[in-house]
Amino acid sequence: MGWTKRGVVRINKLTAKQEGQIIVFAEKWNRIARSTEPWDQEAVAAGIRRFYKAMGCRQLQRGRIHFTEGPIAAYNYATFKWEGSWERHPNFSKLDPSEWAIRCLLARTFEPAILKHVEDFMHRNIARSLSIRRVAQNGKNMPEGHSRGYFFGQADANWLAIVDYFATVHGNEHCQKLEGLIQAVQSCGFVGLMPEKIIFSNRPEVAKFDDQGRLHCEDGPAFICRQGWRWFYLAGVPIFEKYIKTPADDLKLAEILAEPNAEIRTAVLRKFGFQRLLATTHHRIISEAAGNALIEFKLKIGEHHNEYLRTLRLTWQDKTGAKETLLPVPRLARQFGEDCPENVNDCEQVRRWTLGWPKEALAVAET
């Protein structure tokens, strides 16, 4: 019989104090995700020792703990021979928790609506740093017969913030087992765990983000590690260096449209600018309201494919005079996510969604 059939009563409401702590932990982990401060090696090593003890794993000797300046070296070094490792270290697999696994454990105590509320807030308000997937693209191939270790880093800040919140504020025993891992991650850039060794890398020297917490820089690398490796991003999308080095005024629309990767193409089009698209590209007004407009661009990609982009033109007055801007917005209902407008082709509804207004909000006066 599962635990759900044993009359378990789950928490379905947070107190005002518990609600306020969500913001505190989001701010804490947003700083961790963005941090470029040098690592604290003693805190990292102490945290991992706590984590190993909580998970019932054998502590490793000091000579088995290694530090390196950059994530590339850490990733390349974090391999081990899989043959016999699981027999010698039967609890090693416990050192690889995931957000989904933690959510399943938390669901025994909290109603899904509570978990979703906390998760959504952390994911919206915590920056997303460099992931190990991007590091792996510059890493070396593994030796034959080897496996890759478990990696954690600043990119895990959003789900570790959830763990930290429930461990600290609610005293959840499952989350408290990860307190050592939390200490390690908040003290360095990356942690790589293997049965016979541990590898840590320093925090980046440079990390730049946009206002939505995505890695972003239009005129240089968005992420530079202390070893010198550089990664280029626009609005969280990995970008070729050529698109960064070329100023927006010198970008050629034909060359952008020839880019085969749709995600990169869209990111570079944003750098190109929607005002330039208005002047050079076929478009139509879908809806207008109070001086604002919902606009759709039709872009010809190759011989037989069209791509559609939507923007919201906003106009307003301030003390310096008339102002206007163009903001990219979703095109399909499923792309809007939670609190989707009832009519995604209605300019006013899309404007309210873009400004974060609830559907029932009424405008008394706008400035």
Protein backbone atom coordinates (compact mmCIF):
# COMPACT_ATOMS: atom_id res chain seq x y z
CA MET A 1 0.00 0.00 0.00
CA GLY A 2 1.46 3.37 -0.99
CA TRP A 3 1.90 6.24 1.42
CA THR A 4 -0.90 8.17 -0.32
CA LYS A 5 -3.40 5.59 1.00
CA ARG A 6 -2.38 5.90 4.63
CA GLY A 7 -4.39 8.99 5.49
CA VAL A 8 -1.49 11.39 5.11
CA VAL A 9 -2.57 15.04 5.43
CA ARG A 10 -0.38 17.31 3.31
CA ILE A 11 0.28 20.99 3.90
CA ASN A 12 -1.89 23.08 1.57
CA LYS A 13 -1.17 26.62 2.78
CA LEU A 14 1.93 28.60 3.74
CA THR A 15 2.03 31.13 6.55
CA ALA A 16 2.84 34.77 5.79
CA LYS A 17 6.33 34.29 7.24
CA GLN A 18 6.94 31.20 5.08
CA GLU A 19 5.74 33.11 2.00
CA GLY A 20 8.19 35.92 2.76
CA GLN A 21 11.08 33.47 3.02
CA ILE A 22 10.55 32.37 -0.59
CA ILE A 23 11.73 35.81 -1.71
CA VAL A 24 14.71 35.69 0.68
CA PHE A 25 15.94 32.36 -0.68
CA ALA A 26 15.35 33.41 -4.30
CA GLU A 27 17.52 36.49 -3.76
CA LYS A 28 20.19 34.42 -2.02
CA TRP A 29 20.45 31.90 -4.85
CA ASN A 30 20.21 34.53 -7.56
CA ARG A 31 23.40 36.02 -6.08
CA ILE A 32 25.01 32.57 -6.06
CA ALA A 33 24.06 31.93 -9.70
CA ARG A 34 25.57 35.28 -10.77
CA SER A 35 28.62 35.25 -8.48
CA THR A 36 32.13 35.81 -9.87
CA GLU A 37 33.85 35.86 -6.47
CA PRO A 38 36.79 33.43 -6.05
CA TRP A 39 35.90 30.09 -4.50
CA ASP A 40 36.17 29.14 -0.83
CA GLN A 41 38.03 25.83 -0.99
CA GLU A 42 37.65 24.98 2.69
CA ALA A 43 33.88 25.54 2.59
CA VAL A 44 33.58 23.43 -0.58
CA ALA A 45 35.50 20.48 0.87
CA ALA A 46 33.62 20.67 4.19
CA GLY A 47 30.28 20.73 2.38
CA ILE A 48 31.05 17.64 0.33
CA ARG A 49 32.18 15.79 3.47
CA ARG A 50 28.77 16.60 5.02
CA PHE A 51 27.02 15.44 1.84
CA TYR A 52 28.92 12.13 1.72
CA LYS A 53 28.17 11.46 5.38
CA ALA A 54 24.44 12.20 4.95
CA MET A 55 24.27 9.83 1.98
CA GLY A 56 26.16 7.03 3.71
CA CYS A 57 29.19 7.22 1.42
CA ARG A 58 32.77 6.61 2.46
CA GLN A 59 34.78 9.79 3.03
CA LEU A 60 37.67 10.33 0.61
CA GLN A 61 41.17 11.22 1.74
CA ARG A 62 42.42 14.78 1.23
CA GLY A 63 44.69 13.63 -1.62
CA ARG A 64 41.58 12.54 -3.54
CA ILE A 65 40.15 16.08 -3.54
CA HIS A 66 41.33 18.21 -6.46
CA PHE A 67 40.83 21.87 -7.38
CA THR A 68 41.13 23.44 -10.83
CA GLU A 69 40.54 26.97 -12.07
CA GLY A 70 38.16 26.18 -14.93
CA PRO A 71 35.18 23.91 -15.69
CA ILE A 72 36.74 22.43 -18.84
CA ALA A 73 39.62 20.90 -16.90
CA ALA A 74 37.21 19.73 -14.19
CA TYR A 75 34.95 18.07 -16.76
CA ASN A 76 37.84 16.32 -18.50
CA TYR A 77 39.26 15.11 -15.20
CA ALA A 78 35.95 13.87 -13.79
CA THR A 79 35.98 10.37 -15.26
CA PHE A 80 36.34 6.98 -13.60
CA LYS A 81 36.49 3.32 -14.55
CA TRP A 82 32.98 2.00 -14.18
CA GLU A 83 34.04 -1.64 -13.85
CA GLY A 84 33.86 -2.60 -10.17
CA SER A 85 33.07 0.94 -8.97
CA TRP A 86 29.48 0.21 -8.03
CA GLU A 87 30.48 -2.87 -6.02
CA ARG A 88 33.13 -0.94 -4.07
CA HIS A 89 30.87 2.09 -3.60
CA PRO A 90 27.26 0.80 -3.41
CA ASN A 91 25.86 4.17 -2.23
CA PHE A 92 27.55 6.25 -4.91
CA SER A 93 24.35 6.54 -6.98
CA LYS A 94 22.71 8.39 -4.06
CA LEU A 95 25.04 11.32 -4.79
CA ASP A 96 23.06 12.26 -7.92
CA PRO A 97 19.80 13.88 -6.71
CA SER A 98 17.57 15.66 -9.21
CA GLU A 99 14.86 18.29 -9.01
CA TRP A 100 12.25 15.73 -10.02
CA ALA A 101 13.36 13.23 -7.35
CA ILE A 102 13.25 15.91 -4.67
CA ARG A 103 9.81 17.02 -5.86
CA CYS A 104 8.47 13.48 -5.51
CA LEU A 105 9.75 13.33 -1.92
CA LEU A 106 8.34 16.76 -1.07
CA ALA A 107 4.96 15.71 -2.48
CA ARG A 108 4.58 13.42 0.53
CA THR A 109 4.30 16.48 2.77
CA PHE A 110 3.09 19.36 0.57
CA GLU A 111 0.21 19.73 -1.85
CA PRO A 112 1.19 20.11 -5.53
CA ALA A 113 -0.05 23.72 -5.61
CA ILE A 114 2.44 24.67 -2.86
CA LEU A 115 5.33 22.99 -4.65
CA LYS A 116 4.46 24.60 -7.97
CA HIS A 117 4.20 28.02 -6.34
CA VAL A 118 7.71 27.75 -4.86
CA GLU A 119 9.20 26.18 -7.99
CA ASP A 120 7.74 28.79 -10.35
CA PHE A 121 9.03 31.65 -8.20
CA MET A 122 12.56 30.23 -7.99
CA HIS A 123 12.76 29.48 -11.72
CA ARG A 124 11.48 32.96 -12.66
CA ASN A 125 13.73 34.92 -10.32
CA ILE A 126 17.06 33.08 -10.30
CA ALA A 127 19.62 33.55 -13.08
CA ARG A 128 20.62 30.59 -15.25
CA SER A 129 24.38 30.26 -15.41
CA LEU A 130 26.59 28.10 -17.63
CA SER A 131 25.44 24.47 -17.73
CA ILE A 132 27.71 21.45 -17.79
CA ARG A 133 26.19 20.58 -21.19
CA ARG A 134 27.89 23.62 -22.71
CA VAL A 135 31.15 22.79 -20.97
CA ALA A 136 30.97 19.27 -22.39
CA GLN A 137 31.03 20.62 -25.96
CA ASN A 138 34.62 21.75 -25.36
CA GLY A 139 35.60 18.72 -23.31
CA LYS A 140 37.67 15.73 -24.39
CA ASN A 141 36.21 12.34 -25.14
CA MET A 142 36.13 9.84 -22.28
CA PRO A 143 38.66 6.98 -22.26
CA GLU A 144 37.13 3.64 -23.21
CA GLY A 145 35.57 1.85 -20.26
CA HIS A 146 35.13 5.06 -18.26
CA SER A 147 32.05 6.88 -16.97
CA ARG A 148 31.54 10.56 -16.28
CA GLY A 149 31.11 11.76 -12.70
CA TYR A 150 28.09 13.58 -11.26
CA PHE A 151 28.27 17.35 -11.85
CA PHE A 152 26.63 20.22 -9.98
CA GLY A 153 27.21 23.95 -10.30
CA GLN A 154 25.83 27.47 -10.41
CA ALA A 155 23.43 26.40 -13.17
CA ASP A 156 21.63 24.25 -10.56
CA ALA A 157 20.89 27.32 -8.42
CA ASN A 158 17.15 27.42 -9.19
CA TRP A 159 16.37 23.89 -7.98
CA LEU A 160 18.89 23.94 -5.13
CA ALA A 161 17.13 27.11 -3.94
CA ILE A 162 13.95 25.02 -3.65
CA VAL A 163 15.83 22.39 -1.64
CA ASP A 164 17.44 25.03 0.58
CA TYR A 165 14.07 26.68 1.25
CA PHE A 166 12.29 23.49 2.29
CA ALA A 167 15.29 22.27 4.32
CA THR A 168 15.68 25.53 6.25
CA VAL A 169 12.16 26.93 6.54
CA HIS A 170 10.21 23.67 6.81
CA GLY A 171 12.88 21.33 8.19
CA ASN A 172 12.19 18.72 5.51
CA GLU A 173 14.43 15.72 6.22
CA HIS A 174 14.92 14.77 2.56
CA CYS A 175 16.12 18.26 1.67
CA GLN A 176 18.32 18.49 4.77
CA LYS A 177 20.36 15.56 3.45
CA LEU A 178 21.49 17.84 0.62
CA GLU A 179 22.70 20.67 2.86
CA GLY A 180 26.33 19.66 2.32
CA LEU A 181 25.90 19.78 -1.45
CA ILE A 182 24.24 23.19 -1.09
CA GLN A 183 27.24 24.46 0.90
CA ALA A 184 29.65 23.19 -1.76
CA VAL A 185 27.78 24.64 -4.74
CA GLN A 186 27.37 28.05 -3.15
CA SER A 187 31.14 28.17 -2.55
CA CYS A 188 32.52 27.34 -6.04
CA GLY A 189 31.70 27.12 -9.75
CA PHE A 190 31.35 23.38 -10.42
CA VAL A 191 31.57 20.18 -8.36
CA GLY A 192 32.37 16.82 -9.99
CA LEU A 193 31.83 13.68 -7.88
CA MET A 194 33.41 10.30 -8.65
CA PRO A 195 33.73 7.11 -6.56
CA GLU A 196 37.46 7.60 -5.89
CA LYS A 197 37.95 11.35 -6.25
CA ILE A 198 36.28 14.76 -6.21
CA ILE A 199 37.05 17.69 -8.50
CA PHE A 200 36.08 21.35 -7.96
CA SER A 201 36.42 24.32 -10.29
CA ASN A 202 36.53 28.03 -9.54
CA ARG A 203 33.75 30.51 -10.22
CA PRO A 204 33.88 32.44 -13.51
CA GLU A 205 35.84 35.63 -13.92
CA VAL A 206 32.99 37.22 -15.91
CA ALA A 207 29.28 36.34 -16.04
CA LYS A 208 26.77 38.69 -17.72
CA PHE A 209 23.00 38.28 -17.74
CA ASP A 210 19.98 40.05 -19.21
CA ASP A 211 17.03 41.33 -17.19
CA GLN A 212 15.44 37.86 -17.31
CA GLY A 213 18.48 36.17 -15.77
CA ARG A 214 19.72 34.60 -19.02
CA LEU A 215 23.37 34.65 -20.07
CA HIS A 216 23.61 37.57 -22.47
CA CYS A 217 26.12 40.01 -23.95
CA GLU A 218 25.84 41.72 -27.34
CA ASP A 219 29.44 42.92 -27.66
CA GLY A 220 31.58 40.21 -26.08
CA PRO A 221 31.60 36.88 -24.21
CA ALA A 222 28.85 36.45 -21.65
CA PHE A 223 30.86 33.94 -19.62
CA ILE A 224 34.64 33.81 -19.10
CA CYS A 225 36.17 31.21 -16.82
CA ARG A 226 39.47 31.80 -15.02
CA GLN A 227 41.26 29.42 -17.38
CA GLY A 228 40.40 31.76 -20.23
CA TRP A 229 37.64 29.78 -21.97
CA ARG A 230 34.86 32.03 -23.29
CA TRP A 231 31.23 31.41 -24.16
CA PHE A 232 28.95 33.72 -26.17
CA TYR A 233 25.23 34.09 -25.49
CA LEU A 234 22.29 36.21 -26.58
CA ALA A 235 19.20 35.96 -24.35
CA GLY A 236 20.35 32.60 -23.01
CA VAL A 237 21.03 31.14 -26.47
CA PRO A 238 24.59 29.93 -27.27
CA ILE A 239 25.80 32.07 -30.17
CA PHE A 240 28.68 31.94 -32.64
CA GLU A 241 31.31 34.59 -31.98
CA LYS A 242 30.83 36.14 -35.44
CA TYR A 243 27.33 37.34 -34.50
CA ILE A 244 28.68 38.99 -31.37
CA LYS A 245 31.64 40.70 -33.02
CA THR A 246 29.46 42.20 -35.75
CA PRO A 247 27.71 45.42 -34.56
CA ALA A 248 23.93 45.47 -34.91
CA ASP A 249 24.15 48.18 -37.60
CA ASP A 250 26.38 45.92 -39.73
CA LEU A 251 24.31 42.74 -39.49
CA LYS A 252 22.85 41.60 -42.84
CA LEU A 253 19.29 40.34 -42.74
CA ALA A 254 19.91 37.87 -45.60
CA GLU A 255 22.82 36.31 -43.67
CA ILE A 256 20.76 36.05 -40.50
CA LEU A 257 17.91 34.33 -42.32
CA ALA A 258 20.40 31.90 -43.82
CA GLU A 259 21.39 30.70 -40.33
CA PRO A 260 20.11 27.08 -40.16
CA ASN A 261 19.61 27.01 -36.38
CA ALA A 262 16.19 28.56 -35.64
CA GLU A 263 17.01 29.39 -32.01
CA ILE A 264 20.23 31.21 -32.98
CA ARG A 265 18.45 32.92 -35.87
CA THR A 266 15.75 34.33 -33.57
CA ALA A 267 18.31 35.52 -31.00
CA VAL A 268 20.37 37.33 -33.66
CA LEU A 269 17.22 38.89 -35.14
CA ARG A 270 16.58 40.46 -31.74
CA LYS A 271 20.06 41.98 -31.87
CA PHE A 272 19.36 43.14 -35.43
CA GLY A 273 16.39 44.98 -33.98
CA PHE A 274 12.66 44.94 -34.67
CA GLN A 275 12.73 48.58 -35.73
CA ARG A 276 15.00 47.56 -38.63
CA LEU A 277 12.65 44.67 -39.41
CA LEU A 278 9.76 47.11 -39.63
CA ALA A 279 11.65 49.11 -42.24
CA THR A 280 12.92 46.18 -44.31
CA THR A 281 10.52 43.23 -43.91
CA HIS A 282 6.95 42.38 -44.84
CA HIS A 283 4.68 42.60 -41.77
CA ARG A 284 1.05 43.01 -40.81
CA ILE A 285 -0.84 44.60 -37.94
CA ILE A 286 -2.82 41.88 -36.14
CA SER A 287 -4.50 44.08 -33.57
CA GLU A 288 -4.38 47.67 -32.29
CA ALA A 289 -5.54 49.30 -29.06
CA ALA A 290 -4.93 52.73 -27.48
CA GLY A 291 -1.92 53.50 -29.65
CA ASN A 292 -0.32 50.06 -29.16
CA ALA A 293 -0.13 47.35 -31.81
CA LEU A 294 0.48 43.63 -32.15
CA ILE A 295 2.66 43.10 -35.24
CA GLU A 296 3.64 39.92 -37.08
CA PHE A 297 6.65 39.60 -39.39
CA LYS A 298 6.78 37.04 -42.18
CA LEU A 299 10.36 35.96 -42.88
CA LYS A 300 11.27 33.77 -45.84
CA ILE A 301 13.71 31.07 -44.70
CA GLY A 302 15.17 29.25 -47.67
CA GLU A 303 13.10 28.26 -50.69
CA HIS A 304 10.05 26.65 -49.12
CA HIS A 305 9.82 27.80 -45.51
CA ASN A 306 8.40 30.87 -43.80
CA GLU A 307 9.00 31.91 -40.22
CA TYR A 308 6.72 34.20 -38.24
CA LEU A 309 7.78 36.54 -35.45
CA ARG A 310 5.51 38.71 -33.32
CA THR A 311 6.25 41.93 -31.51
CA LEU A 312 4.23 44.26 -29.34
CA ARG A 313 4.59 47.96 -30.14
CA LEU A 314 4.08 50.03 -26.99
CA THR A 315 3.69 53.80 -26.97
CA TRP A 316 3.54 56.11 -23.95
CA GLN A 317 4.30 59.62 -22.71
CA ASP A 318 6.71 60.63 -19.97
CA LYS A 319 8.17 63.96 -18.84
CA THR A 320 10.61 63.98 -21.78
CA GLY A 321 7.94 63.39 -24.41
CA ALA A 322 6.58 60.54 -26.56
CA LYS A 323 8.21 57.11 -26.25
CA GLU A 324 7.94 53.89 -28.28
CA THR A 325 9.39 50.40 -28.03
CA LEU A 326 9.00 46.99 -29.67
CA LEU A 327 8.99 43.87 -27.49
CA PRO A 328 9.12 40.27 -28.76
CA VAL A 329 6.08 38.24 -27.66
CA PRO A 330 4.92 34.62 -28.16
CA ARG A 331 2.89 33.74 -31.23
CA LEU A 332 1.06 30.58 -30.14
CA ALA A 333 -1.11 30.04 -27.04
CA ARG A 334 1.08 27.19 -25.77
CA GLN A 335 4.11 29.49 -25.84
CA PHE A 336 2.54 31.90 -23.33
CA GLY A 337 2.58 29.35 -20.53
CA GLU A 338 0.74 30.04 -17.29
CA ASP A 339 -2.04 32.67 -17.35
CA CYS A 340 -2.24 32.61 -21.15
CA PRO A 341 -4.45 35.37 -22.65
CA GLU A 342 -7.88 34.17 -23.73
CA ASN A 343 -7.18 35.62 -27.19
CA VAL A 344 -3.49 35.67 -28.16
CA ASN A 345 -4.38 37.82 -31.19
CA ASP A 346 -5.72 40.65 -29.05
CA CYS A 347 -3.24 43.49 -28.57
CA GLU A 348 -4.58 44.59 -25.18
CA GLN A 349 -4.63 41.09 -23.72
CA VAL A 350 -1.08 40.43 -24.92
CA ARG A 351 0.00 43.79 -23.50
CA ARG A 352 -1.44 42.91 -20.09
CA TRP A 353 0.28 39.51 -20.16
CA THR A 354 3.60 41.16 -21.09
CA LEU A 355 3.30 43.61 -18.19
CA GLY A 356 2.48 40.76 -15.81
CA TRP A 357 -1.07 41.88 -15.09
CA PRO A 358 -3.56 39.21 -14.00
CA LYS A 359 -6.52 38.72 -16.32
CA GLU A 360 -8.95 40.25 -13.84
CA ALA A 361 -6.88 43.42 -13.30
CA LEU A 362 -8.58 46.69 -14.20
CA ALA A 363 -6.64 49.79 -15.13
CA VAL A 364 -7.74 52.78 -13.07
CA ALA A 365 -4.95 55.07 -14.26
CA GLU A 366 -1.73 54.47 -16.14
CA THR A 367 1.40 56.59 -16.18
